[in-house]
Each structure stands twice: as structure tokens, then as C-alpha cells.
Amino acid sequence: MGSQQPFWPIYTLKAFYSDIGRPSIDPELMIRMLIVGYCYGIRFERKLCEEVKLHLGYRWFCRLELDDKVPDHSTFSVNRHGRGSAAAQGRAFWRCEG
């Protein structure tokens, strides 16, 4: 697994991770889990985490080993509610792109 290329350049953010508190969750893992949820119609974070925990195909896509822990469902909720509205996120994204 270590020789695979990163999903995209989100790994430049690792310098901003905190050394204290709970360990940070890999953004690529979160995005991969959300892709699974969108593709398979899993609308709730709690259900998504259960499905990824149990389904080997989902674990493979998310690059999780059998003994790796799946993030808690509250991580998705905190990110969704704590990062501002979708419209604000979209504007920030387009500013970065354009």
C-alpha cells in the first residue's frame, strides 16, 4: 500500500495537523468513505461507518486493513456542521481553483 500515489495533493496539509488532542483522520479516507456513501445511497454517517466496518469491498476501496479502525460517525457530522455551509465551501473551492 505504501507505494500507491496519493489521491490528490491533500497531503500538503499534514504540516497543519495538531500534535495534541485526538489523532487526525486522513482526509483521503474520509473522502473515500463519502464516495462509497454517495455511490451506494448510504445517507447517514452512522450507517456509512457500520457498512465500511463490515463490508470488505468498502474497506478495500478505503484502503483499510482488516484491523484498522473506521472513523467514528461523529467525525463526519462535526466536519459537515463545523466547516460552514455548502455554498461557502463551494465559493472557497472556486476561489482556490480560479
Protein backbone atom coordinates (compact mmCIF):
# COMPACT_ATOMS: atom_id res chain seq x y z
CA MET A 1 0.00 0.00 0.00
CA GLY A 2 2.81 2.43 0.71
CA SER A 3 3.85 2.71 -2.95
CA GLN A 4 0.47 3.98 -4.16
CA GLN A 5 0.15 7.59 -5.25
CA PRO A 6 -1.87 9.96 -3.05
CA PHE A 7 -5.49 10.63 -4.02
CA TRP A 8 -4.52 14.28 -4.71
CA PRO A 9 -2.28 16.88 -3.04
CA ILE A 10 -4.20 16.98 0.26
CA TYR A 11 -1.11 15.64 1.95
CA THR A 12 0.39 19.10 1.95
CA LEU A 13 -1.98 19.78 4.86
CA LYS A 14 -0.18 17.40 7.23
CA ALA A 15 2.01 20.27 8.40
CA PHE A 16 -1.10 21.86 9.92
CA TYR A 17 -2.18 18.81 11.97
CA SER A 18 -2.12 19.33 15.71
CA ASP A 19 0.29 17.40 17.92
CA ILE A 20 -2.19 17.42 20.82
CA GLY A 21 -5.73 16.09 21.14
CA ARG A 22 -7.28 13.27 19.16
CA PRO A 23 -5.27 11.98 16.23
CA SER A 24 -6.25 13.49 12.90
CA ILE A 25 -8.18 11.40 10.41
CA ASP A 26 -6.72 11.08 6.95
CA PRO A 27 -8.76 13.32 4.62
CA GLU A 28 -8.38 10.78 1.82
CA LEU A 29 -10.06 8.13 3.99
CA MET A 30 -12.96 10.47 4.73
CA ILE A 31 -13.40 11.34 1.06
CA ARG A 32 -13.24 7.69 0.03
CA MET A 33 -15.86 6.81 2.63
CA LEU A 34 -18.11 9.61 1.40
CA ILE A 35 -17.71 8.36 -2.17
CA VAL A 36 -18.86 4.91 -1.01
CA GLY A 37 -21.86 6.51 0.69
CA TYR A 38 -22.82 8.53 -2.38
CA CYS A 39 -22.38 5.65 -4.82
CA TYR A 40 -24.36 3.17 -2.74
CA GLY A 41 -27.03 5.52 -1.40
CA ILE A 42 -25.92 5.38 2.23
CA ARG A 43 -27.36 8.64 3.51
CA PHE A 44 -26.45 8.54 7.18
CA GLU A 45 -22.96 8.78 8.65
CA ARG A 46 -23.64 6.20 11.34
CA LYS A 47 -24.82 3.68 8.73
CA LEU A 48 -21.86 4.51 6.47
CA CYS A 49 -19.38 3.78 9.25
CA GLU A 50 -21.14 0.48 10.03
CA GLU A 51 -21.11 -0.55 6.38
CA VAL A 52 -17.43 0.31 5.89
CA LYS A 53 -16.60 -1.58 9.09
CA LEU A 54 -18.35 -4.75 7.87
CA HIS A 55 -18.06 -4.77 4.05
CA LEU A 56 -14.67 -5.97 2.77
CA GLY A 57 -15.12 -4.29 -0.61
CA TYR A 58 -15.70 -0.93 1.03
CA ARG A 59 -12.69 -1.44 3.30
CA TRP A 60 -10.55 -2.27 0.26
CA PHE A 61 -11.68 0.88 -1.58
CA CYS A 62 -10.98 2.98 1.53
CA ARG A 63 -7.54 1.31 1.82
CA LEU A 64 -8.29 0.00 5.30
CA GLU A 65 -6.65 -3.16 6.58
CA LEU A 66 -8.78 -5.68 8.47
CA ASP A 67 -7.50 -4.43 11.83
CA ASP A 68 -7.71 -0.68 11.01
CA LYS A 69 -10.34 1.31 12.86
CA VAL A 70 -13.11 3.07 10.96
CA PRO A 71 -13.59 6.72 11.99
CA ASP A 72 -16.47 7.48 14.31
CA HIS A 73 -19.64 8.77 12.68
CA SER A 74 -19.40 11.99 14.69
CA THR A 75 -16.27 12.94 12.75
CA PHE A 76 -18.35 13.38 9.60
CA SER A 77 -21.04 15.34 11.43
CA VAL A 78 -18.50 17.69 13.02
CA ASN A 79 -16.87 18.35 9.66
CA ARG A 80 -20.20 18.87 7.93
CA HIS A 81 -21.60 21.22 10.56
CA GLY A 82 -18.37 22.87 11.65
CA ARG A 83 -16.94 23.87 8.30
CA GLY A 84 -19.66 26.26 7.19
CA SER A 85 -22.42 26.00 4.65
CA ALA A 86 -22.05 24.13 1.39
CA ALA A 87 -22.40 27.42 -0.51
CA ALA A 88 -19.49 28.94 1.42
CA GLN A 89 -17.38 25.85 0.82
CA GLY A 90 -18.18 25.99 -2.89
CA ARG A 91 -17.15 29.65 -3.10
CA ALA A 92 -13.88 28.88 -1.31
CA PHE A 93 -13.22 25.97 -3.66
CA TRP A 94 -13.76 28.08 -6.77
CA ARG A 95 -11.51 30.81 -5.42
CA CYS A 96 -8.74 28.26 -5.00
CA GLU A 97 -9.29 26.84 -8.48
CA GLY A 98 -9.75 30.11 -10.33
